[in-house]
């Protein structure tokens, strides 16, 4: 667990170093605003790997929060960004009880901090891809059948489309793969899995 958080710290440090190392960009390069802020809202489905026999995903779950986009200047196209986010995330799943055909809800609400490396493609920056780690802190648990870990960590992989043409509105899709067992007292892998579709709006130019 400590090694995982150390790797995440090194990822953040490397990204910040890249930003400051490339601030001296030639005058001939047109540099966009280095930092922009925005808000994000979306829906997601989630599950817990290998834990409940008759489980089904939690859907819909809400994800919402704020996002920052930090430009990494380069001499070619200015297409690379570091994107930290601070999100409220509804995760977990449901377990079907066969005797009465009802569902027990095992819901977990997190505050999540993904830190992503993003690259825009094509000359008009129409599409983007992103990858990076995230850490989460559990703020609410429903049906405490197992003792859930307070801290979670995982890997995010996603992409999206710039639907406004000015980096104002962006529609994104993302997969989250948990790297930590959320039930430390249960044998076997039981990490969080999830996917989300979100709409982001960035302020300013």
N, C-alpha and C. Protein backbone atom coordinates (compact mmCIF):
# COMPACT_ATOMS: atom_id res chain seq x y z
N UNK A 1 0.83 -1.20 0.00
CA UNK A 1 0.00 0.00 0.00
C UNK A 1 0.87 1.26 0.00
N UNK A 2 1.91 1.27 0.85
CA UNK A 2 2.79 2.42 0.92
C UNK A 2 3.53 2.61 -0.40
N UNK A 3 3.94 1.48 -1.03
CA UNK A 3 4.63 1.57 -2.31
C UNK A 3 3.72 2.15 -3.39
N UNK A 4 2.44 1.82 -3.35
CA UNK A 4 1.50 2.34 -4.34
C UNK A 4 1.36 3.85 -4.21
N UNK A 5 1.22 4.35 -2.99
CA UNK A 5 1.08 5.79 -2.80
C UNK A 5 2.39 6.51 -3.14
N UNK A 6 3.53 5.84 -2.95
CA UNK A 6 4.81 6.42 -3.34
C UNK A 6 4.89 6.58 -4.85
N UNK A 7 4.41 5.57 -5.59
CA UNK A 7 4.39 5.66 -7.06
C UNK A 7 3.49 6.80 -7.52
N UNK A 8 2.35 6.98 -6.87
CA UNK A 8 1.44 8.07 -7.24
C UNK A 8 2.11 9.42 -6.98
N UNK A 9 2.80 9.54 -5.85
CA UNK A 9 3.50 10.78 -5.55
C UNK A 9 4.56 11.07 -6.61
N UNK A 10 5.30 10.03 -7.03
CA UNK A 10 6.33 10.22 -8.05
C UNK A 10 5.71 10.65 -9.38
N UNK A 11 4.52 10.11 -9.71
CA UNK A 11 3.81 10.51 -10.92
C UNK A 11 3.47 11.99 -10.89
N UNK A 12 2.95 12.45 -9.75
CA UNK A 12 2.59 13.86 -9.60
C UNK A 12 3.82 14.74 -9.69
N UNK A 13 4.88 14.34 -9.01
CA UNK A 13 6.12 15.12 -9.01
C UNK A 13 6.69 15.24 -10.41
N UNK A 14 6.69 14.14 -11.16
CA UNK A 14 7.21 14.16 -12.53
C UNK A 14 6.40 15.09 -13.41
N UNK A 15 5.07 15.09 -13.24
CA UNK A 15 4.23 15.96 -14.05
C UNK A 15 4.46 17.43 -13.75
N UNK A 16 4.54 17.77 -12.46
CA UNK A 16 4.79 19.16 -12.07
C UNK A 16 6.16 19.62 -12.57
N UNK A 17 7.15 18.75 -12.46
CA UNK A 17 8.49 19.09 -12.96
C UNK A 17 8.47 19.37 -14.45
N UNK A 18 7.69 18.58 -15.20
CA UNK A 18 7.61 18.78 -16.65
C UNK A 18 7.01 20.14 -16.98
N UNK A 19 6.02 20.57 -16.19
CA UNK A 19 5.39 21.87 -16.42
C UNK A 19 6.39 22.99 -16.24
N UNK A 20 7.13 22.96 -15.12
CA UNK A 20 8.04 24.06 -14.82
C UNK A 20 9.31 24.00 -15.67
N UNK A 21 9.67 22.83 -16.13
CA UNK A 21 10.89 22.70 -16.93
C UNK A 21 10.71 23.25 -18.34
N UNK A 22 9.45 23.42 -18.78
CA UNK A 22 9.21 23.85 -20.15
C UNK A 22 8.51 25.20 -20.22
N UNK A 23 8.71 26.02 -19.22
CA UNK A 23 8.05 27.33 -19.22
C UNK A 23 8.70 28.32 -20.18
N UNK A 24 9.98 28.11 -20.53
CA UNK A 24 10.68 29.00 -21.46
C UNK A 24 10.44 28.54 -22.89
N UNK A 25 9.28 28.90 -23.41
CA UNK A 25 8.90 28.51 -24.76
C UNK A 25 9.24 29.63 -25.72
N UNK A 26 9.79 29.35 -26.91
CA UNK A 26 10.14 30.41 -27.87
C UNK A 26 8.94 31.29 -28.19
N UNK A 27 9.25 32.56 -28.54
CA UNK A 27 8.18 33.53 -28.84
C UNK A 27 7.37 33.13 -30.05
N UNK A 28 7.93 32.31 -30.92
CA UNK A 28 7.22 31.93 -32.14
C UNK A 28 6.11 30.92 -31.87
N UNK A 29 6.08 30.36 -30.67
CA UNK A 29 5.08 29.36 -30.33
C UNK A 29 3.88 30.06 -29.69
N UNK A 30 2.70 29.79 -30.20
CA UNK A 30 1.49 30.36 -29.62
C UNK A 30 1.07 29.51 -28.44
N UNK A 31 1.16 30.06 -27.25
CA UNK A 31 0.89 29.31 -26.02
C UNK A 31 -0.52 29.63 -25.52
N UNK A 32 -1.29 28.62 -25.28
CA UNK A 32 -2.61 28.81 -24.71
C UNK A 32 -2.48 29.16 -23.23
N UNK A 33 -3.57 29.53 -22.59
CA UNK A 33 -3.56 29.78 -21.16
C UNK A 33 -3.06 28.54 -20.44
N UNK A 34 -2.07 28.71 -19.55
CA UNK A 34 -1.40 27.56 -18.94
C UNK A 34 -2.30 26.78 -18.00
N UNK A 35 -3.22 27.45 -17.34
CA UNK A 35 -4.08 26.79 -16.35
C UNK A 35 -5.53 27.21 -16.59
N UNK A 36 -6.42 26.25 -16.60
CA UNK A 36 -7.85 26.56 -16.68
C UNK A 36 -8.60 25.69 -15.68
N UNK A 37 -9.72 26.22 -15.19
CA UNK A 37 -10.51 25.55 -14.17
C UNK A 37 -11.90 25.24 -14.72
N UNK A 38 -12.48 24.17 -14.21
CA UNK A 38 -13.79 23.81 -14.69
C UNK A 38 -14.55 22.96 -13.68
N UNK A 39 -15.75 22.57 -14.09
CA UNK A 39 -16.61 21.70 -13.28
C UNK A 39 -16.97 20.48 -14.10
N UNK A 40 -17.30 19.39 -13.42
CA UNK A 40 -17.59 18.12 -14.08
C UNK A 40 -18.79 17.47 -13.42
N UNK A 41 -19.65 16.87 -14.25
CA UNK A 41 -20.84 16.16 -13.76
C UNK A 41 -21.09 14.96 -14.66
N UNK A 42 -21.45 13.83 -14.05
CA UNK A 42 -21.71 12.66 -14.86
C UNK A 42 -22.33 11.52 -14.08
N UNK A 43 -22.57 10.44 -14.80
CA UNK A 43 -23.12 9.22 -14.21
C UNK A 43 -22.15 8.07 -14.38
N UNK A 44 -22.22 7.11 -13.50
CA UNK A 44 -21.30 5.99 -13.59
C UNK A 44 -21.95 4.71 -13.08
N UNK A 45 -21.37 3.59 -13.49
CA UNK A 45 -21.74 2.29 -12.93
C UNK A 45 -20.50 1.71 -12.27
N UNK A 46 -20.70 0.90 -11.24
CA UNK A 46 -19.56 0.38 -10.49
C UNK A 46 -19.89 -1.00 -9.94
N UNK A 47 -18.85 -1.71 -9.55
CA UNK A 47 -18.98 -3.04 -8.97
C UNK A 47 -17.76 -3.29 -8.10
N UNK A 48 -17.85 -4.35 -7.32
CA UNK A 48 -16.73 -4.78 -6.48
C UNK A 48 -16.31 -6.16 -6.95
N UNK A 49 -15.07 -6.31 -7.28
CA UNK A 49 -14.57 -7.54 -7.88
C UNK A 49 -14.62 -8.72 -6.90
N UNK A 50 -15.29 -9.82 -7.31
CA UNK A 50 -15.23 -11.12 -6.64
C UNK A 50 -15.63 -11.09 -5.17
N UNK A 51 -16.75 -10.43 -4.84
CA UNK A 51 -17.08 -10.38 -3.42
C UNK A 51 -18.48 -10.90 -3.11
N UNK A 52 -19.49 -10.55 -3.90
CA UNK A 52 -20.85 -11.00 -3.63
C UNK A 52 -21.30 -11.96 -4.72
N UNK A 53 -21.90 -13.07 -4.33
CA UNK A 53 -22.21 -14.14 -5.28
C UNK A 53 -23.24 -13.73 -6.32
N UNK A 54 -24.26 -13.00 -5.94
CA UNK A 54 -25.30 -12.62 -6.89
C UNK A 54 -25.31 -11.14 -7.16
N UNK A 55 -24.14 -10.55 -7.21
CA UNK A 55 -24.04 -9.10 -7.25
C UNK A 55 -24.38 -8.53 -8.62
N UNK A 56 -24.80 -7.28 -8.61
CA UNK A 56 -25.01 -6.50 -9.82
C UNK A 56 -24.45 -5.10 -9.58
N UNK A 57 -24.25 -4.36 -10.65
CA UNK A 57 -23.60 -3.06 -10.54
C UNK A 57 -24.49 -2.03 -9.87
N UNK A 58 -23.85 -1.03 -9.29
CA UNK A 58 -24.58 0.15 -8.81
C UNK A 58 -24.75 1.10 -9.98
N UNK A 59 -26.00 1.33 -10.35
CA UNK A 59 -26.29 2.23 -11.46
C UNK A 59 -27.69 2.82 -11.28
N UNK A 60 -27.87 4.12 -11.42
CA UNK A 60 -26.78 5.05 -11.71
C UNK A 60 -26.10 5.53 -10.43
N UNK A 61 -24.83 5.85 -10.56
CA UNK A 61 -24.10 6.51 -9.49
C UNK A 61 -23.67 7.88 -9.97
N UNK A 62 -23.56 8.82 -9.07
CA UNK A 62 -23.21 10.19 -9.42
C UNK A 62 -21.71 10.41 -9.26
N UNK A 63 -21.14 11.17 -10.18
CA UNK A 63 -19.80 11.69 -10.00
C UNK A 63 -19.83 13.18 -10.37
N UNK A 64 -19.27 14.00 -9.51
CA UNK A 64 -19.33 15.45 -9.71
C UNK A 64 -18.18 16.10 -8.96
N UNK A 65 -17.70 17.22 -9.51
CA UNK A 65 -16.63 17.92 -8.82
C UNK A 65 -16.00 18.99 -9.67
N UNK A 66 -14.76 19.32 -9.33
CA UNK A 66 -14.02 20.38 -10.00
C UNK A 66 -12.80 19.77 -10.68
N UNK A 67 -12.32 20.46 -11.70
CA UNK A 67 -11.20 19.96 -12.50
C UNK A 67 -10.28 21.12 -12.87
N UNK A 68 -9.01 20.83 -12.95
CA UNK A 68 -8.01 21.83 -13.36
C UNK A 68 -7.21 21.25 -14.51
N UNK A 69 -6.95 22.05 -15.52
CA UNK A 69 -6.20 21.61 -16.70
C UNK A 69 -4.94 22.46 -16.83
N UNK A 70 -3.77 21.82 -16.70
CA UNK A 70 -2.49 22.51 -16.68
C UNK A 70 -1.72 22.17 -17.95
N UNK A 71 -1.45 23.18 -18.75
CA UNK A 71 -0.75 22.98 -20.01
C UNK A 71 0.72 22.67 -19.79
N UNK A 72 1.23 21.69 -20.52
CA UNK A 72 2.67 21.43 -20.60
C UNK A 72 3.13 22.00 -21.94
N UNK A 73 3.74 23.19 -21.97
CA UNK A 73 4.10 23.81 -23.24
C UNK A 73 5.14 22.99 -23.99
N UNK A 74 5.02 22.98 -25.31
CA UNK A 74 6.03 22.38 -26.15
C UNK A 74 6.16 23.21 -27.42
N UNK A 75 7.16 22.92 -28.21
CA UNK A 75 7.44 23.74 -29.38
C UNK A 75 6.64 23.33 -30.60
N UNK A 76 5.81 22.32 -30.47
CA UNK A 76 5.08 21.82 -31.62
C UNK A 76 3.61 22.25 -31.62
N UNK A 77 2.84 21.77 -30.64
CA UNK A 77 1.39 21.98 -30.76
C UNK A 77 0.68 22.29 -29.46
N UNK A 78 1.36 22.22 -28.31
CA UNK A 78 0.70 22.46 -27.02
C UNK A 78 -0.52 21.56 -26.83
N UNK A 79 -0.29 20.26 -26.87
CA UNK A 79 -1.40 19.31 -26.79
C UNK A 79 -1.38 18.47 -25.52
N UNK A 80 -0.43 18.68 -24.65
CA UNK A 80 -0.30 17.83 -23.47
C UNK A 80 -0.63 18.61 -22.20
N UNK A 81 -1.41 17.95 -21.34
CA UNK A 81 -1.88 18.59 -20.11
C UNK A 81 -1.78 17.63 -18.94
N UNK A 82 -1.61 18.20 -17.76
CA UNK A 82 -1.84 17.48 -16.51
C UNK A 82 -3.21 17.91 -16.01
N UNK A 83 -4.05 16.94 -15.64
CA UNK A 83 -5.44 17.23 -15.28
C UNK A 83 -5.75 16.64 -13.90
N UNK A 84 -5.59 17.43 -12.82
CA UNK A 84 -6.05 16.98 -11.51
C UNK A 84 -7.55 17.24 -11.37
N UNK A 85 -8.24 16.35 -10.67
CA UNK A 85 -9.66 16.49 -10.42
C UNK A 85 -9.95 16.20 -8.95
N UNK A 86 -10.96 16.85 -8.42
CA UNK A 86 -11.45 16.56 -7.07
C UNK A 86 -12.93 16.24 -7.19
N UNK A 87 -13.30 14.96 -6.95
CA UNK A 87 -14.63 14.49 -7.30
C UNK A 87 -15.32 13.82 -6.11
N UNK A 88 -16.63 13.98 -6.06
CA UNK A 88 -17.49 13.15 -5.22
C UNK A 88 -17.94 11.98 -6.09
N UNK A 89 -17.76 10.75 -5.59
CA UNK A 89 -17.99 9.58 -6.41
C UNK A 89 -18.82 8.54 -5.66
N UNK A 90 -19.96 8.13 -6.24
CA UNK A 90 -20.82 7.10 -5.67
C UNK A 90 -20.45 5.75 -6.29
N UNK A 91 -20.00 4.81 -5.46
CA UNK A 91 -19.55 3.52 -5.96
C UNK A 91 -20.17 2.39 -5.13
N UNK A 92 -19.81 1.15 -5.46
CA UNK A 92 -20.35 -0.01 -4.76
C UNK A 92 -21.15 -0.90 -5.69
N UNK A 93 -22.01 -1.75 -5.10
CA UNK A 93 -22.84 -2.64 -5.90
C UNK A 93 -23.99 -3.17 -5.07
N UNK A 94 -24.81 -4.03 -5.68
CA UNK A 94 -25.94 -4.65 -5.00
C UNK A 94 -25.79 -6.17 -5.03
N UNK A 95 -26.30 -6.85 -3.99
CA UNK A 95 -26.23 -8.30 -3.91
C UNK A 95 -27.65 -8.85 -3.83
N UNK A 96 -27.98 -9.74 -4.76
CA UNK A 96 -29.34 -10.29 -4.79
C UNK A 96 -29.47 -11.42 -3.76
N UNK A 97 -30.51 -11.32 -2.94
CA UNK A 97 -30.82 -12.35 -1.95
C UNK A 97 -31.85 -13.29 -2.56
N UNK A 98 -31.45 -14.53 -2.81
CA UNK A 98 -32.28 -15.47 -3.56
C UNK A 98 -33.58 -15.82 -2.86
N UNK A 99 -33.55 -15.88 -1.53
CA UNK A 99 -34.73 -16.32 -0.79
C UNK A 99 -35.96 -15.46 -1.06
N UNK A 100 -35.79 -14.16 -1.12
CA UNK A 100 -36.95 -13.28 -1.33
C UNK A 100 -36.78 -12.39 -2.57
N UNK A 101 -35.72 -12.67 -3.36
CA UNK A 101 -35.48 -11.95 -4.60
C UNK A 101 -35.40 -10.43 -4.39
N UNK A 102 -34.72 -10.04 -3.32
CA UNK A 102 -34.49 -8.63 -3.06
C UNK A 102 -32.99 -8.36 -3.15
N UNK A 103 -32.65 -7.07 -3.13
CA UNK A 103 -31.25 -6.68 -3.28
C UNK A 103 -30.78 -5.94 -2.04
N UNK A 104 -29.63 -6.34 -1.56
CA UNK A 104 -28.96 -5.63 -0.48
C UNK A 104 -27.97 -4.66 -1.10
N UNK A 105 -28.03 -3.41 -0.69
CA UNK A 105 -27.20 -2.38 -1.29
C UNK A 105 -25.93 -2.17 -0.47
N UNK A 106 -24.79 -2.37 -1.13
CA UNK A 106 -23.49 -2.10 -0.52
C UNK A 106 -22.90 -0.89 -1.24
N UNK A 107 -23.26 0.28 -0.74
CA UNK A 107 -22.90 1.52 -1.40
C UNK A 107 -21.78 2.23 -0.64
N UNK A 108 -20.87 2.83 -1.42
CA UNK A 108 -19.73 3.54 -0.85
C UNK A 108 -19.57 4.88 -1.55
N UNK A 109 -19.47 5.94 -0.78
CA UNK A 109 -19.28 7.27 -1.32
C UNK A 109 -17.86 7.74 -1.01
N UNK A 110 -17.18 8.21 -2.04
CA UNK A 110 -15.78 8.61 -1.91
C UNK A 110 -15.57 10.06 -2.32
N UNK A 111 -14.51 10.66 -1.76
CA UNK A 111 -13.89 11.85 -2.33
C UNK A 111 -12.64 11.37 -3.04
N UNK A 112 -12.60 11.59 -4.37
CA UNK A 112 -11.52 11.04 -5.19
C UNK A 112 -10.66 12.14 -5.79
N UNK A 113 -9.37 11.83 -5.92
CA UNK A 113 -8.41 12.75 -6.52
C UNK A 113 -7.67 12.04 -7.65
N UNK A 114 -8.21 12.04 -8.88
CA UNK A 114 -7.45 11.55 -10.03
C UNK A 114 -6.45 12.61 -10.49
N UNK A 115 -5.28 12.17 -10.93
CA UNK A 115 -4.27 13.07 -11.51
C UNK A 115 -3.84 12.44 -12.83
N UNK A 116 -4.28 13.04 -13.92
CA UNK A 116 -4.19 12.41 -15.23
C UNK A 116 -3.23 13.15 -16.15
N UNK A 117 -2.61 12.39 -17.04
CA UNK A 117 -1.88 12.97 -18.15
C UNK A 117 -2.77 12.88 -19.38
N UNK A 118 -3.03 14.03 -20.01
CA UNK A 118 -3.97 14.09 -21.13
C UNK A 118 -3.26 14.57 -22.39
N UNK A 119 -3.62 13.96 -23.52
CA UNK A 119 -3.08 14.37 -24.82
C UNK A 119 -4.22 14.56 -25.80
N UNK A 120 -4.24 15.71 -26.47
CA UNK A 120 -5.24 15.99 -27.51
C UNK A 120 -4.68 15.55 -28.86
N UNK A 121 -5.59 15.09 -29.72
CA UNK A 121 -5.18 14.57 -31.02
C UNK A 121 -5.78 15.42 -32.15
N UNK A 122 -5.26 15.23 -33.33
CA UNK A 122 -5.68 15.94 -34.54
C UNK A 122 -5.32 17.41 -34.43
N UNK A 123 -5.33 18.10 -35.55
CA UNK A 123 -4.93 19.51 -35.59
C UNK A 123 -5.90 20.42 -34.86
N UNK A 124 -7.17 20.02 -34.77
CA UNK A 124 -8.16 20.87 -34.10
C UNK A 124 -8.44 20.43 -32.67
N UNK A 125 -7.60 19.54 -32.11
CA UNK A 125 -7.77 19.07 -30.73
C UNK A 125 -9.15 18.48 -30.49
N UNK A 126 -9.68 17.79 -31.47
CA UNK A 126 -11.05 17.29 -31.37
C UNK A 126 -11.18 16.19 -30.32
N UNK A 127 -10.24 15.26 -30.28
CA UNK A 127 -10.31 14.14 -29.35
C UNK A 127 -9.16 14.22 -28.34
N UNK A 128 -9.35 13.56 -27.20
CA UNK A 128 -8.26 13.43 -26.25
C UNK A 128 -8.27 12.04 -25.62
N UNK A 129 -7.10 11.63 -25.17
CA UNK A 129 -6.95 10.41 -24.39
C UNK A 129 -6.24 10.78 -23.09
N UNK A 130 -6.46 9.99 -22.04
CA UNK A 130 -5.87 10.31 -20.75
C UNK A 130 -5.63 9.05 -19.93
N UNK A 131 -4.66 9.12 -19.05
CA UNK A 131 -4.35 8.01 -18.18
C UNK A 131 -3.67 8.56 -16.92
N UNK A 132 -3.91 7.90 -15.80
CA UNK A 132 -3.26 8.34 -14.58
C UNK A 132 -3.83 7.66 -13.35
N UNK A 133 -3.21 7.86 -12.21
CA UNK A 133 -3.67 7.26 -10.96
C UNK A 133 -4.74 8.10 -10.27
N UNK A 134 -5.41 7.48 -9.32
CA UNK A 134 -6.31 8.23 -8.46
C UNK A 134 -6.25 7.65 -7.05
N UNK A 135 -6.46 8.51 -6.08
CA UNK A 135 -6.60 8.08 -4.68
C UNK A 135 -7.96 8.54 -4.20
N UNK A 136 -8.56 7.77 -3.31
CA UNK A 136 -9.91 8.07 -2.83
C UNK A 136 -9.99 7.87 -1.33
N UNK A 137 -10.89 8.65 -0.71
CA UNK A 137 -11.14 8.52 0.72
C UNK A 137 -12.63 8.26 0.94
N UNK A 138 -12.93 7.21 1.69
CA UNK A 138 -14.31 6.80 1.94
C UNK A 138 -14.96 7.74 2.95
N UNK A 139 -16.09 8.36 2.56
CA UNK A 139 -16.79 9.28 3.46
C UNK A 139 -18.12 8.73 3.95
N UNK A 140 -18.66 7.70 3.28
CA UNK A 140 -19.93 7.12 3.72
C UNK A 140 -20.02 5.68 3.23
N UNK A 141 -20.52 4.80 4.11
CA UNK A 141 -20.69 3.39 3.78
C UNK A 141 -22.07 2.93 4.21
N UNK A 142 -22.79 2.29 3.28
CA UNK A 142 -24.11 1.75 3.57
C UNK A 142 -24.03 0.23 3.67
N UNK A 143 -24.61 -0.33 4.74
CA UNK A 143 -24.58 -1.78 5.00
C UNK A 143 -23.16 -2.26 5.25
N UNK A 144 -22.71 -2.09 6.47
CA UNK A 144 -21.34 -2.40 6.83
C UNK A 144 -21.17 -3.89 7.16
N UNK A 145 -21.41 -4.73 6.16
CA UNK A 145 -21.22 -6.16 6.34
C UNK A 145 -19.74 -6.49 6.52
N UNK A 146 -18.89 -5.80 5.77
CA UNK A 146 -17.45 -5.95 5.90
C UNK A 146 -16.85 -4.61 6.30
N UNK A 147 -15.68 -4.69 6.89
CA UNK A 147 -14.97 -3.48 7.29
C UNK A 147 -14.21 -2.93 6.09
N UNK A 148 -14.74 -1.90 5.46
CA UNK A 148 -14.14 -1.35 4.24
C UNK A 148 -12.96 -0.45 4.59
N UNK A 149 -11.96 -0.52 3.73
CA UNK A 149 -10.78 0.32 3.89
C UNK A 149 -11.13 1.78 3.61
N UNK A 150 -10.59 2.68 4.42
CA UNK A 150 -10.88 4.11 4.24
C UNK A 150 -10.24 4.66 2.97
N UNK A 151 -9.04 4.21 2.66
CA UNK A 151 -8.33 4.73 1.50
C UNK A 151 -8.35 3.71 0.36
N UNK A 152 -8.52 4.23 -0.85
CA UNK A 152 -8.52 3.39 -2.03
C UNK A 152 -7.59 4.04 -3.06
N UNK A 153 -7.11 3.24 -3.99
CA UNK A 153 -6.26 3.76 -5.06
C UNK A 153 -6.51 2.94 -6.31
N UNK A 154 -6.36 3.57 -7.46
CA UNK A 154 -6.63 2.87 -8.69
C UNK A 154 -6.01 3.56 -9.90
N UNK A 155 -6.31 3.02 -11.07
CA UNK A 155 -5.82 3.54 -12.34
C UNK A 155 -7.00 3.96 -13.20
N UNK A 156 -6.89 5.13 -13.80
CA UNK A 156 -7.94 5.66 -14.68
C UNK A 156 -7.43 5.69 -16.12
N UNK A 157 -8.27 5.22 -17.04
CA UNK A 157 -7.98 5.27 -18.47
C UNK A 157 -9.22 5.77 -19.18
N UNK A 158 -9.06 6.76 -20.04
CA UNK A 158 -10.25 7.29 -20.69
C UNK A 158 -9.94 8.12 -21.92
N UNK A 159 -10.98 8.75 -22.41
CA UNK A 159 -10.86 9.61 -23.57
C UNK A 159 -12.11 10.46 -23.71
N UNK A 160 -12.11 11.32 -24.69
CA UNK A 160 -13.27 12.18 -24.85
C UNK A 160 -13.20 13.01 -26.11
N UNK A 161 -14.16 13.91 -26.22
CA UNK A 161 -14.28 14.76 -27.40
C UNK A 161 -14.52 16.20 -26.96
N UNK A 162 -13.87 17.12 -27.62
CA UNK A 162 -14.03 18.54 -27.40
C UNK A 162 -15.21 19.01 -28.25
N UNK A 163 -16.38 19.14 -27.62
CA UNK A 163 -17.61 19.35 -28.40
C UNK A 163 -17.90 20.81 -28.70
N UNK A 164 -17.13 21.74 -28.12
CA UNK A 164 -17.39 23.15 -28.36
C UNK A 164 -16.42 23.78 -29.35
N UNK A 165 -15.28 23.13 -29.58
CA UNK A 165 -14.28 23.70 -30.47
C UNK A 165 -13.36 24.70 -29.80
N UNK A 166 -13.63 25.09 -28.55
CA UNK A 166 -12.82 26.06 -27.84
C UNK A 166 -12.39 25.53 -26.47
N UNK A 167 -12.42 24.24 -26.30
CA UNK A 167 -12.06 23.62 -25.01
C UNK A 167 -12.97 24.10 -23.88
N UNK A 168 -14.18 24.43 -24.19
CA UNK A 168 -15.15 24.82 -23.17
C UNK A 168 -15.92 23.62 -22.64
N UNK A 169 -16.61 22.94 -23.54
CA UNK A 169 -17.39 21.75 -23.18
C UNK A 169 -16.68 20.50 -23.71
N UNK A 170 -16.54 19.52 -22.83
CA UNK A 170 -15.91 18.26 -23.22
C UNK A 170 -16.72 17.09 -22.68
N UNK A 171 -16.97 16.13 -23.56
CA UNK A 171 -17.69 14.92 -23.20
C UNK A 171 -16.67 13.79 -23.08
N UNK A 172 -16.66 13.13 -21.91
CA UNK A 172 -15.63 12.14 -21.67
C UNK A 172 -16.19 10.81 -21.18
N UNK A 173 -15.41 9.76 -21.38
CA UNK A 173 -15.71 8.42 -20.89
C UNK A 173 -14.45 7.88 -20.23
N UNK A 174 -14.64 7.15 -19.13
CA UNK A 174 -13.49 6.69 -18.36
C UNK A 174 -13.76 5.36 -17.69
N UNK A 175 -12.71 4.54 -17.62
CA UNK A 175 -12.73 3.30 -16.86
C UNK A 175 -11.81 3.44 -15.66
N UNK A 176 -12.28 2.99 -14.50
CA UNK A 176 -11.49 3.03 -13.27
C UNK A 176 -11.24 1.59 -12.80
N UNK A 177 -9.98 1.28 -12.59
CA UNK A 177 -9.58 -0.07 -12.17
C UNK A 177 -8.91 0.03 -10.81
N UNK A 178 -9.58 -0.50 -9.77
CA UNK A 178 -9.02 -0.45 -8.43
C UNK A 178 -7.79 -1.32 -8.28
N UNK A 179 -6.80 -0.82 -7.57
CA UNK A 179 -5.55 -1.55 -7.33
C UNK A 179 -5.41 -1.99 -5.88
N UNK A 180 -6.40 -1.67 -5.07
CA UNK A 180 -6.34 -1.99 -3.64
C UNK A 180 -7.61 -2.76 -3.26
N UNK A 181 -7.47 -3.81 -2.46
CA UNK A 181 -8.64 -4.52 -1.93
C UNK A 181 -9.35 -3.63 -0.92
N UNK A 182 -10.65 -3.39 -1.15
CA UNK A 182 -11.35 -2.48 -0.24
C UNK A 182 -11.76 -3.17 1.05
N UNK A 183 -11.76 -4.52 1.07
CA UNK A 183 -12.04 -5.27 2.29
C UNK A 183 -10.76 -5.99 2.70
N UNK A 184 -9.94 -5.41 3.57
CA UNK A 184 -8.65 -6.03 3.91
C UNK A 184 -8.79 -7.34 4.67
N UNK A 185 -9.94 -7.60 5.29
CA UNK A 185 -10.13 -8.81 6.09
C UNK A 185 -10.73 -9.96 5.29
N UNK A 186 -10.97 -9.75 4.00
CA UNK A 186 -11.59 -10.77 3.15
C UNK A 186 -10.53 -11.33 2.20
N UNK A 187 -10.47 -12.65 2.07
CA UNK A 187 -9.50 -13.27 1.18
C UNK A 187 -9.91 -13.07 -0.29
N UNK A 188 -8.90 -12.99 -1.14
CA UNK A 188 -9.16 -12.82 -2.56
C UNK A 188 -9.25 -11.36 -2.97
N UNK A 189 -9.15 -11.14 -4.27
CA UNK A 189 -9.21 -9.79 -4.81
C UNK A 189 -10.62 -9.23 -4.68
N UNK A 190 -10.75 -8.02 -4.17
CA UNK A 190 -12.06 -7.38 -4.04
C UNK A 190 -11.95 -5.88 -4.23
N UNK A 191 -11.37 -5.48 -5.34
CA UNK A 191 -11.16 -4.08 -5.64
C UNK A 191 -12.36 -3.47 -6.35
N UNK A 192 -12.41 -2.15 -6.35
CA UNK A 192 -13.47 -1.42 -7.04
C UNK A 192 -13.24 -1.43 -8.55
N UNK A 193 -14.32 -1.54 -9.30
CA UNK A 193 -14.30 -1.41 -10.76
C UNK A 193 -15.40 -0.43 -11.16
N UNK A 194 -15.15 0.36 -12.18
CA UNK A 194 -16.19 1.31 -12.56
C UNK A 194 -15.96 1.95 -13.92
N UNK A 195 -17.01 2.57 -14.42
CA UNK A 195 -16.94 3.33 -15.65
C UNK A 195 -17.87 4.52 -15.56
N UNK A 196 -17.51 5.61 -16.21
CA UNK A 196 -18.29 6.84 -16.10
C UNK A 196 -18.34 7.57 -17.43
N UNK A 197 -19.43 8.30 -17.63
CA UNK A 197 -19.58 9.24 -18.74
C UNK A 197 -19.86 10.61 -18.13
N UNK A 198 -19.07 11.62 -18.51
CA UNK A 198 -19.16 12.92 -17.86
C UNK A 198 -19.16 14.05 -18.87
N UNK A 199 -19.66 15.19 -18.42
CA UNK A 199 -19.61 16.43 -19.18
C UNK A 199 -18.87 17.46 -18.35
N UNK A 200 -17.85 18.07 -18.97
CA UNK A 200 -17.04 19.08 -18.27
C UNK A 200 -17.22 20.44 -18.93
N UNK A 201 -17.18 21.48 -18.10
CA UNK A 201 -17.20 22.85 -18.61
C UNK A 201 -16.03 23.61 -18.01
N UNK A 202 -15.24 24.26 -18.84
CA UNK A 202 -14.08 25.03 -18.40
C UNK A 202 -14.36 26.52 -18.53
N UNK A 203 -13.98 27.27 -17.51
CA UNK A 203 -14.19 28.71 -17.47
C UNK A 203 -13.07 29.44 -18.21
N UNK A 204 -13.36 30.67 -18.59
CA UNK A 204 -12.35 31.52 -19.23
C UNK A 204 -12.14 31.15 -20.69
N UNK A 205 -11.06 31.69 -21.26
CA UNK A 205 -10.75 31.47 -22.67
C UNK A 205 -9.96 30.20 -22.83
